[in-house]
Amino acid sequence: MSEQEIKTLNLRMPVELHARCKERARMEGVSLNTLILKILNEYDDGEDLPKNAEERLIRRIQRIEKALFGENDK
């Protein structure tokens, strides 16, 4: 990583989602942290997001789930 400021985030998620994310990271040969960063970077398209923090978070989680599991797997 470059010499940029790094922030830590404690993320709570359902146990089943965590297990599926860990498995995908293992299959890709990366850490869970790296997988989540990759997905967030791919789906941060710069669009205007809702001003409400809860709505922003819900939209991001939906994008991550879609990226991880496809639309029909939920």
Protein backbone atom coordinates (compact mmCIF):
# COMPACT_ATOMS: atom_id res chain seq x y z
CA MET A 1 0.00 0.00 0.00
CA SER A 2 1.13 3.55 -0.62
CA GLU A 3 1.91 5.93 2.20
CA GLN A 4 -1.64 7.19 2.58
CA GLU A 5 -3.63 7.55 5.75
CA ILE A 6 -5.31 4.31 6.75
CA LYS A 7 -8.48 4.09 8.83
CA THR A 8 -9.77 1.06 10.69
CA LEU A 9 -13.40 -0.01 10.45
CA ASN A 10 -15.12 -2.55 12.66
CA LEU A 11 -17.76 -4.15 10.47
CA ARG A 12 -20.62 -6.21 11.83
CA MET A 13 -22.25 -8.69 9.48
CA PRO A 14 -24.32 -11.86 9.70
CA VAL A 15 -22.27 -14.98 10.43
CA GLU A 16 -23.37 -16.61 7.17
CA LEU A 17 -22.28 -13.61 5.09
CA HIS A 18 -18.93 -13.50 6.90
CA ALA A 19 -18.35 -17.20 6.18
CA ARG A 20 -19.19 -16.77 2.48
CA CYS A 21 -16.90 -13.73 2.21
CA LYS A 22 -14.05 -15.59 3.92
CA GLU A 23 -14.50 -18.52 1.55
CA ARG A 24 -14.46 -16.25 -1.51
CA ALA A 25 -11.31 -14.52 -0.22
CA ARG A 26 -9.68 -17.93 0.34
CA MET A 27 -10.62 -19.02 -3.20
CA GLU A 28 -9.12 -15.81 -4.62
CA GLY A 29 -5.99 -16.23 -2.50
CA VAL A 30 -6.40 -12.92 -0.69
CA SER A 31 -7.25 -11.78 2.81
CA LEU A 32 -10.80 -10.88 3.75
CA ASN A 33 -9.67 -7.27 4.15
CA THR A 34 -8.19 -7.23 0.64
CA LEU A 35 -11.37 -8.74 -0.83
CA ILE A 36 -13.60 -6.15 0.84
CA LEU A 37 -11.33 -3.28 -0.25
CA LYS A 38 -11.32 -4.61 -3.81
CA ILE A 39 -15.11 -4.79 -3.91
CA LEU A 40 -15.57 -1.35 -2.37
CA ASN A 41 -13.12 0.19 -4.85
CA GLU A 42 -14.82 -1.49 -7.81
CA TYR A 43 -18.24 -0.25 -6.78
CA ASP A 44 -17.33 3.26 -5.69
CA ASP A 45 -18.41 4.81 -8.97
CA GLY A 46 -18.62 8.34 -7.63
CA GLU A 47 -22.38 8.60 -8.04
CA ASP A 48 -24.28 10.90 -5.73
CA LEU A 49 -25.35 8.86 -2.75
CA PRO A 50 -28.24 9.57 -0.42
CA LYS A 51 -27.38 12.06 2.29
CA ASN A 52 -28.78 9.77 4.99
CA ALA A 53 -25.96 7.60 6.41
CA GLU A 54 -28.22 4.58 6.85
CA GLU A 55 -29.37 4.70 3.22
CA ARG A 56 -25.77 5.05 2.01
CA LEU A 57 -24.72 2.02 4.03
CA ILE A 58 -27.67 -0.07 2.82
CA ARG A 59 -26.88 0.80 -0.80
CA ARG A 60 -23.21 -0.17 -0.35
CA ILE A 61 -24.10 -3.46 1.32
CA GLN A 62 -26.49 -4.28 -1.51
CA ARG A 63 -23.74 -3.64 -4.05
CA ILE A 64 -21.30 -5.83 -2.13
CA GLU A 65 -23.82 -8.65 -1.89
CA LYS A 66 -24.54 -8.37 -5.62
CA ALA A 67 -20.82 -8.47 -6.40
CA LEU A 68 -20.20 -11.43 -4.12
CA PHE A 69 -23.26 -13.52 -4.79
CA GLY A 70 -25.10 -12.19 -7.82
CA GLU A 71 -28.61 -10.83 -7.85
CA ASN A 72 -30.41 -14.17 -7.68
CA ASP A 73 -28.50 -15.66 -4.76
CA LYS A 74 -30.02 -13.49 -2.00
